[in-house]
């Protein structure tokens, strides 16, 4: 049987549990959205952020006659 458990690594207990679980080589599998390169809803990738930032800077500069 497989159990899905959510650990919050922002807490002391969550970090302790992760440290303990990582000691075991068999029977433990970590599945994380960050490991799958899945971007959670409401977030964007670094590349997407850069593209949007450059676009906004260019629009701002054009609008204000800076460049």
PDB file of N, CA and C in Angstrom:
ATOM      1  N   UNK A   1       0.844  -1.160   0.000  1.00  0.00           N
ATOM      2  CA  UNK A   1       0.000   0.000   0.000  1.00  0.00           C
ATOM      3  C   UNK A   1       0.903   1.240   0.000  1.00  0.00           C
ATOM      4  N   UNK A   2       0.497   2.225  -0.752  1.00  0.00           N
ATOM      5  CA  UNK A   2       1.240   3.485  -0.842  1.00  0.00           C
ATOM      6  C   UNK A   2       0.448   4.550  -0.106  1.00  0.00           C
ATOM      7  N   UNK A   3       1.140   5.343   0.708  1.00  0.00           N
ATOM      8  CA  UNK A   3       0.512   6.428   1.466  1.00  0.00           C
ATOM      9  C   UNK A   3       1.079   7.748   0.971  1.00  0.00           C
ATOM     10  N   UNK A   4       0.223   8.705   0.764  1.00  0.00           N
ATOM     11  CA  UNK A   4       0.653  10.048   0.387  1.00  0.00           C
ATOM     12  C   UNK A   4       0.673  10.896   1.647  1.00  0.00           C
ATOM     13  N   UNK A   5       1.827  11.482   1.916  1.00  0.00           N
ATOM     14  CA  UNK A   5       2.006  12.307   3.106  1.00  0.00           C
ATOM     15  C   UNK A   5       2.572  13.649   2.654  1.00  0.00           C
ATOM     16  N   UNK A   6       2.048  14.721   3.177  1.00  0.00           N
ATOM     17  CA  UNK A   6       2.535  16.056   2.863  1.00  0.00           C
ATOM     18  C   UNK A   6       3.314  16.576   4.066  1.00  0.00           C
ATOM     19  N   UNK A   7       4.578  16.909   3.831  1.00  0.00           N
ATOM     20  CA  UNK A   7       5.427  17.449   4.892  1.00  0.00           C
ATOM     21  C   UNK A   7       5.763  18.892   4.555  1.00  0.00           C
ATOM     22  N   UNK A   8       5.651  19.760   5.520  1.00  0.00           N
ATOM     23  CA  UNK A   8       5.989  21.166   5.330  1.00  0.00           C
ATOM     24  C   UNK A   8       7.430  21.364   5.794  1.00  0.00           C
ATOM     25  N   UNK A   9       8.342  21.514   4.833  1.00  0.00           N
ATOM     26  CA  UNK A   9       9.753  21.658   5.200  1.00  0.00           C
ATOM     27  C   UNK A   9      10.081  23.055   5.731  1.00  0.00           C
ATOM     28  N   UNK A  10       9.069  23.894   5.875  1.00  0.00           N
ATOM     29  CA  UNK A  10       9.268  25.204   6.499  1.00  0.00           C
ATOM     30  C   UNK A  10       9.170  25.089   8.022  1.00  0.00           C
ATOM     31  N   UNK A  11       8.767  23.905   8.510  1.00  0.00           N
ATOM     32  CA  UNK A  11       8.655  23.708   9.950  1.00  0.00           C
ATOM     33  C   UNK A  11       9.780  22.807  10.452  1.00  0.00           C
ATOM     34  N   UNK A  12      10.076  22.903  11.708  1.00  0.00           N
ATOM     35  CA  UNK A  12      11.137  22.085  12.308  1.00  0.00           C
ATOM     36  C   UNK A  12      10.778  20.606  12.210  1.00  0.00           C
ATOM     37  N   UNK A  13       9.549  20.257  12.560  1.00  0.00           N
ATOM     38  CA  UNK A  13       9.133  18.854  12.506  1.00  0.00           C
ATOM     39  C   UNK A  13       9.167  18.307  11.086  1.00  0.00           C
ATOM     40  N   UNK A  14       8.767  19.110  10.121  1.00  0.00           N
ATOM     41  CA  UNK A  14       8.808  18.687   8.720  1.00  0.00           C
ATOM     42  C   UNK A  14      10.229  18.408   8.275  1.00  0.00           C
ATOM     43  N   UNK A  15      11.167  19.280   8.631  1.00  0.00           N
ATOM     44  CA  UNK A  15      12.581  19.075   8.261  1.00  0.00           C
ATOM     45  C   UNK A  15      13.144  17.833   8.930  1.00  0.00           C
ATOM     46  N   UNK A  16      12.781  17.612  10.195  1.00  0.00           N
ATOM     47  CA  UNK A  16      13.255  16.422  10.906  1.00  0.00           C
ATOM     48  C   UNK A  16      12.765  15.149  10.221  1.00  0.00           C
ATOM     49  N   UNK A  17      11.491  15.140   9.854  1.00  0.00           N
ATOM     50  CA  UNK A  17      10.923  13.965   9.197  1.00  0.00           C
ATOM     51  C   UNK A  17      11.591  13.705   7.851  1.00  0.00           C
ATOM     52  N   UNK A  18      11.823  14.756   7.080  1.00  0.00           N
ATOM     53  CA  UNK A  18      12.491  14.585   5.786  1.00  0.00           C
ATOM     54  C   UNK A  18      13.893  14.030   5.970  1.00  0.00           C
ATOM     55  N   UNK A  19      14.611  14.560   6.932  1.00  0.00           N
ATOM     56  CA  UNK A  19      15.965  14.080   7.207  1.00  0.00           C
ATOM     57  C   UNK A  19      15.945  12.599   7.569  1.00  0.00           C
ATOM     58  N   UNK A  20      15.004  12.220   8.406  1.00  0.00           N
ATOM     59  CA  UNK A  20      14.866  10.819   8.820  1.00  0.00           C
ATOM     60  C   UNK A  20      14.512   9.928   7.628  1.00  0.00           C
ATOM     61  N   UNK A  21      13.570  10.351   6.804  1.00  0.00           N
ATOM     62  CA  UNK A  21      13.127   9.544   5.674  1.00  0.00           C
ATOM     63  C   UNK A  21      14.208   9.374   4.612  1.00  0.00           C
ATOM     64  N   UNK A  22      15.040  10.377   4.440  1.00  0.00           N
ATOM     65  CA  UNK A  22      16.092  10.296   3.414  1.00  0.00           C
ATOM     66  C   UNK A  22      17.156   9.256   3.755  1.00  0.00           C
ATOM     67  N   UNK A  23      17.198   8.801   4.993  1.00  0.00           N
ATOM     68  CA  UNK A  23      18.163   7.775   5.391  1.00  0.00           C
ATOM     69  C   UNK A  23      17.846   6.428   4.744  1.00  0.00           C
ATOM     70  N   UNK A  24      16.579   6.188   4.440  1.00  0.00           N
ATOM     71  CA  UNK A  24      16.146   4.898   3.913  1.00  0.00           C
ATOM     72  C   UNK A  24      16.265   4.874   2.394  1.00  0.00           C
ATOM     73  N   UNK A  25      16.873   3.834   1.885  1.00  0.00           N
ATOM     74  CA  UNK A  25      17.098   3.733   0.432  1.00  0.00           C
ATOM     75  C   UNK A  25      15.983   2.966  -0.269  1.00  0.00           C
ATOM     76  N   UNK A  26      15.320   2.054   0.423  1.00  0.00           N
ATOM     77  CA  UNK A  26      14.265   1.245  -0.196  1.00  0.00           C
ATOM     78  C   UNK A  26      12.926   1.567   0.462  1.00  0.00           C
ATOM     79  N   UNK A  27      11.881   1.559  -0.350  1.00  0.00           N
ATOM     80  CA  UNK A  27      10.543   1.742   0.179  1.00  0.00           C
ATOM     81  C   UNK A  27      10.109   3.181   0.339  1.00  0.00           C
ATOM     82  N   UNK A  28      10.999   4.123   0.106  1.00  0.00           N
ATOM     83  CA  UNK A  28      10.674   5.550   0.226  1.00  0.00           C
ATOM     84  C   UNK A  28      10.904   6.201  -1.129  1.00  0.00           C
ATOM     85  N   UNK A  29       9.912   6.905  -1.617  1.00  0.00           N
ATOM     86  CA  UNK A  29      10.047   7.610  -2.888  1.00  0.00           C
ATOM     87  C   UNK A  29       9.546   9.024  -2.697  1.00  0.00           C
ATOM     88  N   UNK A  30      10.339   9.997  -3.107  1.00  0.00           N
ATOM     89  CA  UNK A  30       9.943  11.398  -3.004  1.00  0.00           C
ATOM     90  C   UNK A  30       9.375  11.845  -4.346  1.00  0.00           C
ATOM     91  N   UNK A  31       8.245  12.489  -4.291  1.00  0.00           N
ATOM     92  CA  UNK A  31       7.578  12.986  -5.480  1.00  0.00           C
ATOM     93  C   UNK A  31       7.262  14.452  -5.239  1.00  0.00           C
ATOM     94  N   UNK A  32       7.904  15.318  -5.969  1.00  0.00           N
ATOM     95  CA  UNK A  32       7.738  16.743  -5.748  1.00  0.00           C
ATOM     96  C   UNK A  32       7.471  17.440  -7.074  1.00  0.00           C
ATOM     97  N   UNK A  33       6.586  18.417  -7.079  1.00  0.00           N
ATOM     98  CA  UNK A  33       6.307  19.157  -8.306  1.00  0.00           C
ATOM     99  C   UNK A  33       7.542  19.890  -8.798  1.00  0.00           C
ATOM    100  N   UNK A  34       8.416  20.312  -7.901  1.00  0.00           N
ATOM    101  CA  UNK A  34       9.638  20.993  -8.328  1.00  0.00           C
ATOM    102  C   UNK A  34      10.589  20.025  -9.020  1.00  0.00           C
ATOM    103  N   UNK A  35      10.530  18.755  -8.668  1.00  0.00           N
ATOM    104  CA  UNK A  35      11.371  17.753  -9.312  1.00  0.00           C
ATOM    105  C   UNK A  35      10.842  17.408 -10.706  1.00  0.00           C
ATOM    106  N   UNK A  36       9.549  17.620 -10.941  1.00  0.00           N
ATOM    107  CA  UNK A  36       8.925  17.320 -12.223  1.00  0.00           C
ATOM    108  C   UNK A  36       8.868  18.546 -13.132  1.00  0.00           C
ATOM    109  N   UNK A  37       9.377  19.665 -12.673  1.00  0.00           N
ATOM    110  CA  UNK A  37       9.313  20.933 -13.397  1.00  0.00           C
ATOM    111  C   UNK A  37       7.873  21.353 -13.677  1.00  0.00           C
ATOM    112  N   UNK A  38       6.987  21.090 -12.734  1.00  0.00           N
ATOM    113  CA  UNK A  38       5.595  21.523 -12.839  1.00  0.00           C
ATOM    114  C   UNK A  38       5.464  22.827 -12.058  1.00  0.00           C
ATOM    115  N   UNK A  39       4.936  23.830 -12.722  1.00  0.00           N
ATOM    116  CA  UNK A  39       4.782  25.136 -12.086  1.00  0.00           C
ATOM    117  C   UNK A  39       3.401  25.201 -11.449  1.00  0.00           C
ATOM    118  N   UNK A  40       3.330  25.413 -10.134  1.00  0.00           N
ATOM    119  CA  UNK A  40       2.022  25.498  -9.468  1.00  0.00           C
ATOM    120  C   UNK A  40       1.206  26.678  -9.982  1.00  0.00           C
ATOM    121  N   UNK A  41      -0.106  26.550  -9.874  1.00  0.00           N
ATOM    122  CA  UNK A  41      -0.998  27.617 -10.325  1.00  0.00           C
ATOM    123  C   UNK A  41      -0.700  28.900  -9.564  1.00  0.00           C
ATOM    124  N   UNK A  42      -0.644  30.007 -10.288  1.00  0.00           N
ATOM    125  CA  UNK A  42      -0.368  31.299  -9.667  1.00  0.00           C
ATOM    126  C   UNK A  42       1.108  31.657  -9.675  1.00  0.00           C
ATOM    127  N   UNK A  43       1.965  30.739 -10.115  1.00  0.00           N
ATOM    128  CA  UNK A  43       3.404  30.981 -10.186  1.00  0.00           C
ATOM    129  C   UNK A  43       3.842  30.956 -11.641  1.00  0.00           C
ATOM    130  N   UNK A  44       5.049  31.403 -11.911  1.00  0.00           N
ATOM    131  CA  UNK A  44       5.598  31.329 -13.258  1.00  0.00           C
ATOM    132  C   UNK A  44       7.065  30.925 -13.169  1.00  0.00           C
ATOM    133  N   UNK A  45       7.575  30.431 -14.273  1.00  0.00           N
ATOM    134  CA  UNK A  45       8.984  30.029 -14.305  1.00  0.00           C
ATOM    135  C   UNK A  45       9.868  31.271 -14.338  1.00  0.00           C
ATOM    136  N   UNK A  46      11.121  31.080 -14.034  1.00  0.00           N
ATOM    137  CA  UNK A  46      12.080  32.186 -14.090  1.00  0.00           C
ATOM    138  C   UNK A  46      12.187  32.753 -15.490  1.00  0.00           C
ATOM    139  N   UNK A  47      12.141  31.869 -16.484  1.00  0.00           N
ATOM    140  CA  UNK A  47      12.229  32.305 -17.883  1.00  0.00           C
ATOM    141  C   UNK A  47      11.020  33.157 -18.265  1.00  0.00           C
ATOM    142  N   UNK A  48       9.843  32.722 -17.865  1.00  0.00           N
ATOM    143  CA  UNK A  48       8.634  33.504 -18.146  1.00  0.00           C
ATOM    144  C   UNK A  48       8.701  34.861 -17.446  1.00  0.00           C
ATOM    145  N   UNK A  49       9.192  34.898 -16.206  1.00  0.00           N
ATOM    146  CA  UNK A  49       9.324  36.150 -15.471  1.00  0.00           C
ATOM    147  C   UNK A  49      10.260  37.109 -16.218  1.00  0.00           C
ATOM    148  N   UNK A  50      11.392  36.598 -16.683  1.00  0.00           N
ATOM    149  CA  UNK A  50      12.345  37.448 -17.418  1.00  0.00           C
ATOM    150  C   UNK A  50      11.703  38.041 -18.673  1.00  0.00           C
ATOM    151  N   UNK A  51      10.980  37.200 -19.429  1.00  0.00           N
ATOM    152  CA  UNK A  51      10.332  37.675 -20.656  1.00  0.00           C
ATOM    153  C   UNK A  51       9.328  38.785 -20.346  1.00  0.00           C
ATOM    154  N   UNK A  52       8.500  38.566 -19.323  1.00  0.00           N
ATOM    155  CA  UNK A  52       7.501  39.583 -18.955  1.00  0.00           C
ATOM    156  C   UNK A  52       8.165  40.858 -18.459  1.00  0.00           C
ATOM    157  N   UNK A  53       9.229  40.717 -17.676  1.00  0.00           N
ATOM    158  CA  UNK A  53       9.926  41.887 -17.143  1.00  0.00           C
ATOM    159  C   UNK A  53      10.531  42.713 -18.274  1.00  0.00           C
ATOM    160  N   UNK A  54      11.167  42.064 -19.223  1.00  0.00           N
ATOM    161  CA  UNK A  54      11.778  42.778 -20.353  1.00  0.00           C
ATOM    162  C   UNK A  54      10.706  43.484 -21.165  1.00  0.00           C
ATOM    163  N   UNK A  55       9.595  42.797 -21.394  1.00  0.00           N
ATOM    164  CA  UNK A  55       8.494  43.419 -22.139  1.00  0.00           C
ATOM    165  C   UNK A  55       7.974  44.652 -21.419  1.00  0.00           C
ATOM    166  N   UNK A  56       7.763  44.548 -20.117  1.00  0.00           N
ATOM    167  CA  UNK A  56       7.243  45.681 -19.344  1.00  0.00           C
ATOM    168  C   UNK A  56       8.239  46.842 -19.296  1.00  0.00           C
ATOM    169  N   UNK A  57       9.527  46.531 -19.169  1.00  0.00           N
ATOM    170  CA  UNK A  57      10.543  47.592 -19.157  1.00  0.00           C
ATOM    171  C   UNK A  57      10.565  48.297 -20.502  1.00  0.00           C
ATOM    172  N   UNK A  58      10.506  47.544 -21.591  1.00  0.00           N
ATOM    173  CA  UNK A  58      10.506  48.154 -22.926  1.00  0.00           C
ATOM    174  C   UNK A  58       9.281  49.032 -23.138  1.00  0.00           C
ATOM    175  N   UNK A  59       8.107  48.576 -22.702  1.00  0.00           N
ATOM    176  CA  UNK A  59       6.881  49.376 -22.828  1.00  0.00           C
ATOM    177  C   UNK A  59       7.008  50.658 -22.006  1.00  0.00           C
ATOM    178  N   UNK A  60       7.505  50.538 -20.782  1.00  0.00           N
ATOM    179  CA  UNK A  60       7.691  51.716 -19.919  1.00  0.00           C
ATOM    180  C   UNK A  60       8.641  52.728 -20.561  1.00  0.00           C
ATOM    181  N   UNK A  61       9.757  52.225 -21.084  1.00  0.00           N
ATOM    182  CA  UNK A  61      10.743  53.116 -21.701  1.00  0.00           C
ATOM    183  C   UNK A  61      10.188  53.791 -22.941  1.00  0.00           C
ATOM    184  N   UNK A  62       9.473  53.032 -23.774  1.00  0.00           N
ATOM    185  CA  UNK A  62       8.860  53.619 -24.969  1.00  0.00           C
ATOM    186  C   UNK A  62       7.836  54.683 -24.596  1.00  0.00           C
ATOM    187  N   UNK A  63       7.025  54.371 -23.591  1.00  0.00           N
ATOM    188  CA  UNK A  63       5.958  55.274 -23.149  1.00  0.00           C
ATOM    189  C   UNK A  63       6.528  56.588 -22.608  1.00  0.00           C
ATOM    190  N   UNK A  64       7.678  56.509 -21.912  1.00  0.00           N
ATOM    191  CA  UNK A  64       8.274  57.688 -21.289  1.00  0.00           C
ATOM    192  C   UNK A  64       9.450  58.271 -22.070  1.00  0.00           C
ATOM    193  N   UNK A  65       9.681  57.774 -23.281  1.00  0.00           N
ATOM    194  CA  UNK A  65      10.729  58.307 -24.124  1.00  0.00           C
ATOM    195  C   UNK A  65      12.132  58.163 -23.563  1.00  0.00           C
ATOM    196  N   UNK A  66      12.366  57.100 -22.821  1.00  0.00           N
ATOM    197  CA  UNK A  66      13.672  56.908 -22.189  1.00  0.00           C
ATOM    198  C   UNK A  66      14.691  56.339 -23.166  1.00  0.00           C
ATOM    199  N   UNK A  67      14.265  55.414 -23.989  1.00  0.00           N
ATOM    200  CA  UNK A  67      15.210  54.806 -24.947  1.00  0.00           C
ATOM    201  C   UNK A  67      14.963  55.277 -26.341  1.00  0.00           C
TER     202      UNK A  67
END
